[in-house]
N, C-alpha and C. Protein backbone atom coordinates (compact mmCIF):
# COMPACT_ATOMS: atom_id res chain seq x y z
N MET A 1 82.16 120.69 92.81
CA MET A 1 81.48 119.45 92.49
C MET A 1 80.87 118.89 93.76
N GLU A 2 79.62 118.57 93.74
CA GLU A 2 78.94 117.98 94.89
C GLU A 2 78.94 116.48 94.72
N LEU A 3 79.33 115.77 95.77
CA LEU A 3 79.40 114.32 95.75
C LEU A 3 78.10 113.76 96.30
N GLN A 4 77.43 112.95 95.50
CA GLN A 4 76.19 112.34 95.94
C GLN A 4 76.34 110.83 95.95
N LEU A 5 75.98 110.20 97.05
CA LEU A 5 76.00 108.75 97.15
C LEU A 5 74.58 108.25 97.12
N ARG A 6 74.38 107.12 96.50
CA ARG A 6 73.04 106.55 96.44
C ARG A 6 73.13 105.04 96.47
N LEU A 7 72.05 104.41 96.85
CA LEU A 7 71.98 102.96 96.80
C LEU A 7 71.75 102.54 95.36
N VAL A 8 72.41 101.46 94.97
CA VAL A 8 72.27 100.98 93.59
C VAL A 8 71.77 99.54 93.60
N PRO A 9 70.93 99.18 92.63
CA PRO A 9 70.40 97.81 92.61
C PRO A 9 71.48 96.81 92.21
N VAL A 10 71.39 95.61 92.78
CA VAL A 10 72.27 94.50 92.41
C VAL A 10 71.38 93.32 92.07
N PRO A 11 71.93 92.26 91.53
CA PRO A 11 71.09 91.10 91.14
C PRO A 11 70.22 90.58 92.29
N LEU A 12 69.18 89.92 91.98
CA LEU A 12 68.22 89.31 92.89
C LEU A 12 67.40 90.33 93.67
N GLY A 13 67.29 91.56 93.15
CA GLY A 13 66.43 92.55 93.74
C GLY A 13 66.94 93.17 95.03
N ARG A 14 68.20 92.92 95.43
CA ARG A 14 68.75 93.50 96.65
C ARG A 14 69.34 94.86 96.34
N TRP A 15 69.55 95.64 97.39
CA TRP A 15 70.22 96.94 97.25
C TRP A 15 71.55 96.88 97.97
N SER A 16 72.50 97.64 97.49
CA SER A 16 73.82 97.61 98.10
C SER A 16 74.39 99.03 98.16
N ASP A 17 75.20 99.31 99.18
CA ASP A 17 75.91 100.58 99.24
C ASP A 17 77.05 100.57 98.23
N MET A 18 77.34 101.74 97.70
CA MET A 18 78.49 101.84 96.80
C MET A 18 79.76 101.58 97.60
N SER A 19 80.75 100.95 96.99
CA SER A 19 81.99 100.66 97.70
C SER A 19 83.15 101.51 97.20
N THR A 20 82.97 102.21 96.11
CA THR A 20 84.04 103.05 95.57
C THR A 20 83.49 104.44 95.30
N VAL A 21 84.20 105.44 95.82
CA VAL A 21 83.83 106.83 95.58
C VAL A 21 84.95 107.45 94.76
N LYS A 22 84.59 108.05 93.64
CA LYS A 22 85.57 108.74 92.82
C LYS A 22 85.15 110.20 92.70
N ALA A 23 86.06 111.09 93.05
CA ALA A 23 85.74 112.52 93.00
C ALA A 23 87.03 113.30 92.78
N ALA A 24 86.92 114.44 92.16
CA ALA A 24 88.08 115.30 91.95
C ALA A 24 88.47 116.02 93.23
N ASN A 25 87.49 116.35 94.06
CA ASN A 25 87.75 117.09 95.30
C ASN A 25 86.84 116.60 96.41
N LEU A 26 87.39 116.56 97.63
CA LEU A 26 86.59 116.30 98.82
C LEU A 26 86.68 117.53 99.69
N GLN A 27 85.58 117.92 100.30
CA GLN A 27 85.58 119.12 101.11
C GLN A 27 84.80 118.85 102.39
N ASN A 28 85.39 119.22 103.53
CA ASN A 28 84.72 119.11 104.81
C ASN A 28 83.71 120.25 104.91
N THR A 29 82.58 119.99 105.51
CA THR A 29 81.58 121.05 105.67
C THR A 29 81.98 122.00 106.80
N GLY A 30 82.94 121.58 107.64
CA GLY A 30 83.45 122.44 108.72
C GLY A 30 84.78 123.05 108.31
N SER A 31 85.57 123.45 109.31
CA SER A 31 86.84 124.12 109.02
C SER A 31 88.02 123.17 108.97
N GLY A 32 87.86 121.92 109.40
CA GLY A 32 88.97 120.97 109.43
C GLY A 32 89.10 120.18 108.14
N ALA A 33 90.10 119.31 108.14
CA ALA A 33 90.31 118.42 106.99
C ALA A 33 89.28 117.29 107.04
N PRO A 34 88.94 116.71 105.90
CA PRO A 34 88.01 115.57 105.92
C PRO A 34 88.58 114.44 106.78
N ALA A 35 87.71 113.76 107.51
CA ALA A 35 88.11 112.63 108.34
C ALA A 35 87.44 111.37 107.79
N PHE A 36 88.06 110.24 108.01
CA PHE A 36 87.51 108.96 107.56
C PHE A 36 86.87 108.28 108.76
N GLN A 37 85.62 107.81 108.57
CA GLN A 37 84.88 107.18 109.65
C GLN A 37 84.40 105.81 109.23
N ASN A 38 84.24 104.91 110.23
CA ASN A 38 83.66 103.61 109.93
C ASN A 38 82.13 103.74 109.90
N SER A 39 81.45 102.64 109.70
CA SER A 39 79.98 102.71 109.58
C SER A 39 79.30 103.13 110.87
N SER A 40 80.00 103.08 112.01
CA SER A 40 79.43 103.53 113.29
C SER A 40 79.68 105.00 113.53
N GLY A 41 80.41 105.67 112.64
CA GLY A 41 80.71 107.08 112.81
C GLY A 41 81.97 107.35 113.61
N THR A 42 82.72 106.30 113.96
CA THR A 42 83.97 106.46 114.69
C THR A 42 85.08 106.83 113.72
N GLU A 43 85.84 107.87 114.07
CA GLU A 43 86.92 108.30 113.19
C GLU A 43 88.01 107.23 113.16
N ILE A 44 88.43 106.84 111.96
CA ILE A 44 89.45 105.81 111.81
C ILE A 44 90.68 106.33 111.06
N GLY A 45 90.68 107.59 110.68
CA GLY A 45 91.85 108.13 110.01
C GLY A 45 91.64 109.55 109.54
N GLN A 46 92.73 110.21 109.23
CA GLN A 46 92.71 111.56 108.68
C GLN A 46 93.78 111.66 107.62
N LEU A 47 93.72 112.73 106.88
CA LEU A 47 94.73 113.02 105.89
C LEU A 47 95.96 113.61 106.57
N CYS A 48 97.08 113.57 105.89
CA CYS A 48 98.31 114.18 106.39
C CYS A 48 98.09 115.68 106.57
N LYS A 49 98.48 116.23 107.72
CA LYS A 49 98.26 117.65 108.01
C LYS A 49 99.31 118.55 107.36
N ALA A 50 100.53 118.03 107.16
CA ALA A 50 101.60 118.81 106.52
C ALA A 50 102.68 117.84 106.05
N TRP A 51 103.37 118.19 104.98
CA TRP A 51 104.52 117.42 104.53
C TRP A 51 105.48 118.33 103.78
N VAL A 52 106.74 117.91 103.71
CA VAL A 52 107.74 118.71 103.01
C VAL A 52 108.87 117.82 102.50
N ASN A 53 109.43 118.20 101.37
CA ASN A 53 110.64 117.60 100.82
C ASN A 53 111.57 118.78 100.56
N PHE A 54 112.77 118.77 101.19
CA PHE A 54 113.65 119.91 101.01
C PHE A 54 115.12 119.52 100.93
N ASN A 55 115.91 120.43 100.37
CA ASN A 55 117.35 120.32 100.29
C ASN A 55 117.91 120.90 101.59
N GLY A 56 118.65 120.09 102.34
CA GLY A 56 119.17 120.53 103.62
C GLY A 56 120.62 120.96 103.60
N THR A 57 121.17 121.21 102.41
CA THR A 57 122.57 121.63 102.31
C THR A 57 122.66 123.05 101.76
N GLY A 58 123.76 123.75 102.09
CA GLY A 58 123.95 125.11 101.60
C GLY A 58 122.80 126.00 102.04
N THR A 59 122.24 126.74 101.08
CA THR A 59 121.03 127.52 101.37
C THR A 59 119.86 126.56 101.24
N ILE A 60 119.27 126.17 102.37
CA ILE A 60 118.20 125.17 102.35
C ILE A 60 117.02 125.68 101.54
N ALA A 61 116.32 124.74 100.89
CA ALA A 61 115.21 125.15 100.03
C ALA A 61 114.16 124.04 99.94
N ILE A 62 112.90 124.45 99.99
CA ILE A 62 111.78 123.54 99.84
C ILE A 62 111.67 123.14 98.37
N ARG A 63 111.63 121.82 98.11
CA ARG A 63 111.38 121.32 96.75
C ARG A 63 109.88 121.26 96.49
N SER A 64 109.15 120.72 97.47
CA SER A 64 107.71 120.59 97.35
C SER A 64 107.15 120.44 98.76
N SER A 65 105.90 120.90 98.97
CA SER A 65 105.34 120.83 100.32
C SER A 65 103.83 121.04 100.31
N PHE A 66 103.24 120.74 101.46
CA PHE A 66 101.84 121.06 101.74
C PHE A 66 101.77 121.56 103.17
N ASN A 67 101.16 122.69 103.40
CA ASN A 67 100.98 123.32 104.70
C ASN A 67 102.31 123.60 105.40
N VAL A 68 103.35 123.86 104.64
CA VAL A 68 104.65 124.27 105.19
C VAL A 68 104.97 125.63 104.59
N SER A 69 105.17 126.63 105.45
CA SER A 69 105.41 127.98 104.96
C SER A 69 106.89 128.31 104.84
N SER A 70 107.73 127.72 105.71
CA SER A 70 109.15 128.06 105.66
C SER A 70 109.98 127.04 106.43
N LEU A 71 111.30 127.15 106.23
CA LEU A 71 112.29 126.33 106.93
C LEU A 71 113.28 127.26 107.61
N THR A 72 113.86 126.80 108.70
CA THR A 72 114.94 127.53 109.35
C THR A 72 116.12 126.58 109.50
N ASP A 73 117.31 127.04 109.12
CA ASP A 73 118.53 126.26 109.30
C ASP A 73 119.13 126.68 110.64
N ASN A 74 119.01 125.81 111.66
CA ASN A 74 119.49 126.12 113.00
C ASN A 74 120.95 125.74 113.21
N GLY A 75 121.56 125.15 112.22
CA GLY A 75 122.93 124.66 112.35
C GLY A 75 123.05 123.35 111.59
N ILE A 76 124.17 122.68 111.74
CA ILE A 76 124.43 121.45 110.98
C ILE A 76 123.39 120.38 111.34
N GLY A 77 122.65 119.92 110.33
CA GLY A 77 121.66 118.86 110.51
C GLY A 77 120.52 119.20 111.45
N ASP A 78 120.22 120.46 111.62
CA ASP A 78 119.21 120.92 112.58
C ASP A 78 118.29 121.92 111.88
N TYR A 79 117.03 121.55 111.69
CA TYR A 79 116.10 122.35 110.91
C TYR A 79 114.79 122.55 111.67
N THR A 80 114.15 123.69 111.46
CA THR A 80 112.80 123.92 111.95
C THR A 80 111.87 124.03 110.75
N ILE A 81 110.80 123.25 110.78
CA ILE A 81 109.77 123.27 109.73
C ILE A 81 108.59 124.06 110.30
N THR A 82 108.22 125.16 109.65
CA THR A 82 107.12 126.01 110.12
C THR A 82 105.88 125.75 109.28
N PHE A 83 104.74 125.56 109.96
CA PHE A 83 103.48 125.25 109.28
C PHE A 83 102.77 126.52 108.82
N THR A 84 102.10 126.45 107.70
CA THR A 84 101.26 127.54 107.22
C THR A 84 100.06 127.69 108.15
N ASN A 85 99.39 126.58 108.44
CA ASN A 85 98.26 126.56 109.37
C ASN A 85 98.66 125.72 110.57
N ALA A 86 98.58 126.28 111.76
CA ALA A 86 99.04 125.63 112.98
C ALA A 86 98.26 124.35 113.29
N MET A 87 98.91 123.46 114.03
CA MET A 87 98.25 122.26 114.54
C MET A 87 97.38 122.66 115.74
N ALA A 88 96.44 121.82 116.10
CA ALA A 88 95.56 122.11 117.23
C ALA A 88 96.34 122.15 118.54
N ASP A 89 97.37 121.32 118.64
CA ASP A 89 98.25 121.31 119.81
C ASP A 89 99.57 120.65 119.38
N GLY A 90 100.48 120.49 120.32
CA GLY A 90 101.79 119.92 120.00
C GLY A 90 101.83 118.41 120.04
N ASN A 91 100.68 117.76 120.14
CA ASN A 91 100.61 116.30 120.21
C ASN A 91 100.36 115.70 118.83
N PHE A 92 101.33 115.84 117.95
CA PHE A 92 101.21 115.28 116.61
C PHE A 92 102.32 114.28 116.37
N ALA A 93 102.23 113.56 115.28
CA ALA A 93 103.24 112.57 114.91
C ALA A 93 104.03 113.08 113.71
N VAL A 94 105.32 112.83 113.73
CA VAL A 94 106.19 113.23 112.63
C VAL A 94 106.91 111.99 112.12
N ALA A 95 106.84 111.75 110.83
CA ALA A 95 107.60 110.67 110.20
C ALA A 95 108.50 111.33 109.17
N GLY A 96 109.72 110.85 109.06
CA GLY A 96 110.61 111.49 108.11
C GLY A 96 111.75 110.61 107.69
N SER A 97 112.50 111.10 106.73
CA SER A 97 113.69 110.40 106.26
C SER A 97 114.70 111.43 105.80
N ALA A 98 115.94 111.00 105.73
CA ALA A 98 117.01 111.88 105.27
C ALA A 98 117.99 111.05 104.47
N ARG A 99 118.50 111.63 103.38
CA ARG A 99 119.43 110.92 102.52
C ARG A 99 120.59 111.82 102.15
N TYR A 100 121.79 111.33 102.36
CA TYR A 100 122.99 112.02 101.93
C TYR A 100 123.35 111.46 100.56
N GLY A 101 123.41 112.30 99.56
CA GLY A 101 123.72 111.85 98.20
C GLY A 101 122.94 112.64 97.19
N ASP A 102 123.10 112.28 95.95
CA ASP A 102 122.47 113.05 94.88
C ASP A 102 120.99 112.74 94.76
N SER A 103 120.30 113.53 93.98
CA SER A 103 118.85 113.38 93.83
C SER A 103 118.47 112.21 92.94
N ALA A 104 119.47 111.52 92.35
CA ALA A 104 119.18 110.35 91.52
C ALA A 104 118.86 109.12 92.36
N GLY A 105 118.93 109.26 93.68
CA GLY A 105 118.57 108.15 94.56
C GLY A 105 119.73 107.28 94.97
N LEU A 106 120.95 107.69 94.69
CA LEU A 106 122.11 106.89 95.02
C LEU A 106 122.79 107.38 96.29
N GLY A 107 122.01 107.63 97.30
CA GLY A 107 122.56 108.17 98.54
C GLY A 107 122.47 107.19 99.69
N THR A 108 122.99 107.57 100.81
CA THR A 108 122.96 106.76 102.02
C THR A 108 121.94 107.36 102.98
N MET A 109 121.07 106.51 103.50
CA MET A 109 120.05 107.00 104.43
C MET A 109 120.71 107.40 105.75
N ARG A 110 120.18 108.42 106.39
CA ARG A 110 120.65 108.92 107.67
C ARG A 110 119.52 108.87 108.68
N ALA A 111 119.86 108.96 109.95
CA ALA A 111 118.84 108.96 111.00
C ALA A 111 118.11 110.30 111.01
N PHE A 112 116.79 110.26 111.10
CA PHE A 112 115.92 111.42 111.16
C PHE A 112 115.26 111.39 112.53
N PHE A 113 115.29 112.48 113.27
CA PHE A 113 114.71 112.47 114.61
C PHE A 113 114.14 113.83 114.97
N ILE A 114 113.21 113.83 115.94
CA ILE A 114 112.71 115.08 116.50
C ILE A 114 113.85 115.65 117.32
N SER A 115 114.15 116.90 117.13
CA SER A 115 115.33 117.50 117.76
C SER A 115 115.27 117.42 119.28
N SER A 116 116.37 117.02 119.87
CA SER A 116 116.46 116.99 121.33
C SER A 116 117.14 118.25 121.85
N ILE A 117 117.38 119.20 120.96
CA ILE A 117 117.96 120.48 121.37
C ILE A 117 116.84 121.27 122.06
N GLY A 118 117.10 121.74 123.25
CA GLY A 118 116.03 122.38 124.02
C GLY A 118 115.13 121.31 124.59
N THR A 119 113.90 121.64 124.89
CA THR A 119 112.97 120.65 125.43
C THR A 119 112.11 120.10 124.31
N LEU A 120 111.57 118.91 124.51
CA LEU A 120 110.71 118.31 123.51
C LEU A 120 109.50 119.19 123.23
N ALA A 121 108.98 119.86 124.25
CA ALA A 121 107.84 120.77 124.06
C ALA A 121 108.20 121.87 123.07
N ASN A 122 109.45 122.34 123.10
CA ASN A 122 109.88 123.36 122.14
C ASN A 122 110.09 122.76 120.75
N ALA A 123 110.42 121.48 120.70
CA ALA A 123 110.67 120.83 119.41
C ALA A 123 109.36 120.61 118.65
N MET A 124 108.26 120.39 119.37
CA MET A 124 106.96 120.13 118.74
C MET A 124 105.97 121.18 119.20
N ALA A 125 105.95 122.31 118.53
CA ALA A 125 105.03 123.40 118.84
C ALA A 125 103.86 123.36 117.87
N THR A 126 102.80 124.08 118.18
CA THR A 126 101.64 124.09 117.27
C THR A 126 101.99 124.68 115.91
N SER A 127 102.97 125.58 115.86
CA SER A 127 103.30 126.26 114.61
C SER A 127 104.51 125.68 113.89
N SER A 128 105.24 124.74 114.53
CA SER A 128 106.45 124.22 113.90
C SER A 128 106.92 122.94 114.57
N VAL A 129 107.88 122.28 113.91
CA VAL A 129 108.57 121.13 114.49
C VAL A 129 110.04 121.25 114.15
N ARG A 130 110.89 120.94 115.12
CA ARG A 130 112.33 121.01 114.93
C ARG A 130 112.84 119.58 114.75
N VAL A 131 113.57 119.33 113.67
CA VAL A 131 114.06 117.99 113.36
C VAL A 131 115.57 118.01 113.20
N GLY A 132 116.17 116.83 113.39
CA GLY A 132 117.61 116.71 113.26
C GLY A 132 117.99 115.52 112.40
N ILE A 133 119.20 115.58 111.87
CA ILE A 133 119.74 114.53 111.02
C ILE A 133 121.08 114.10 111.60
N ALA A 134 121.30 112.78 111.72
CA ALA A 134 122.57 112.28 112.26
C ALA A 134 123.07 111.12 111.41
N TYR A 135 124.38 110.93 111.41
CA TYR A 135 124.96 109.77 110.76
C TYR A 135 125.37 108.75 111.81
N ALA A 136 125.97 107.63 111.39
CA ALA A 136 126.17 106.46 112.25
C ALA A 136 126.83 106.75 113.60
N ASN A 137 127.82 107.61 113.66
CA ASN A 137 128.50 107.84 114.94
C ASN A 137 127.76 108.85 115.82
N GLY A 138 126.60 109.32 115.38
CA GLY A 138 125.78 110.22 116.17
C GLY A 138 126.00 111.70 115.90
N GLY A 139 126.98 112.03 115.06
CA GLY A 139 127.21 113.42 114.73
C GLY A 139 126.14 113.98 113.80
N SER A 140 125.88 115.26 113.89
CA SER A 140 124.89 115.91 113.02
C SER A 140 125.46 116.11 111.63
N GLU A 141 124.56 116.17 110.64
CA GLU A 141 125.00 116.30 109.26
C GLU A 141 123.93 116.97 108.40
N ASP A 142 124.36 117.89 107.53
CA ASP A 142 123.46 118.43 106.50
C ASP A 142 123.36 117.39 105.39
N VAL A 143 122.17 117.20 104.85
CA VAL A 143 121.96 116.21 103.78
C VAL A 143 121.18 116.83 102.63
N GLN A 144 121.27 116.20 101.48
CA GLN A 144 120.64 116.72 100.26
C GLN A 144 119.13 116.52 100.22
N VAL A 145 118.63 115.47 100.83
CA VAL A 145 117.19 115.19 100.75
C VAL A 145 116.64 114.94 102.15
N VAL A 146 115.73 115.81 102.59
CA VAL A 146 115.03 115.63 103.87
C VAL A 146 113.53 115.64 103.57
N THR A 147 112.82 114.65 104.13
CA THR A 147 111.36 114.62 103.97
C THR A 147 110.72 114.48 105.35
N ALA A 148 109.56 115.07 105.53
CA ALA A 148 108.83 114.95 106.79
C ALA A 148 107.33 114.97 106.49
N ALA A 149 106.58 114.16 107.21
CA ALA A 149 105.12 114.15 107.13
C ALA A 149 104.57 114.28 108.54
N ILE A 150 103.58 115.14 108.72
CA ILE A 150 103.03 115.42 110.04
C ILE A 150 101.56 114.98 110.07
N PHE A 151 101.21 114.21 111.08
CA PHE A 151 99.85 113.72 111.25
C PHE A 151 99.34 114.14 112.62
N ARG A 152 98.08 114.52 112.69
CA ARG A 152 97.47 114.89 113.96
C ARG A 152 96.06 114.36 113.99
């Protein structure tokens, strides 16, 4: 589907830019994800580069994801999320959450952090990010629901 924007007439003979775009698909003409720009052409935002929701207990498993190819269980509360398509560099942002409890939402939230095991450079690589889960006293813990979103 090709998206076409046009000026539309408004009362009193003036013309106005459309303020709402509705489309089933957006596609960048280059190789990257579509970017959002202001009227001056300055980039003001991008779409999420990768996200994942997974079970972090027992045999870990992805419930749903985008641009995540696999998970690695490095030990208690310590996971590596591997991207399908690598980031441009290791300077990305990771937001996440972790919940101990059942999938009905009756769990206790836990601390989610970029893993401090090894160096930070190793924790945030172009192809993956290593994350950890901790409870109140600082000990690591496997949890039933882990989510992460990566922005670059």
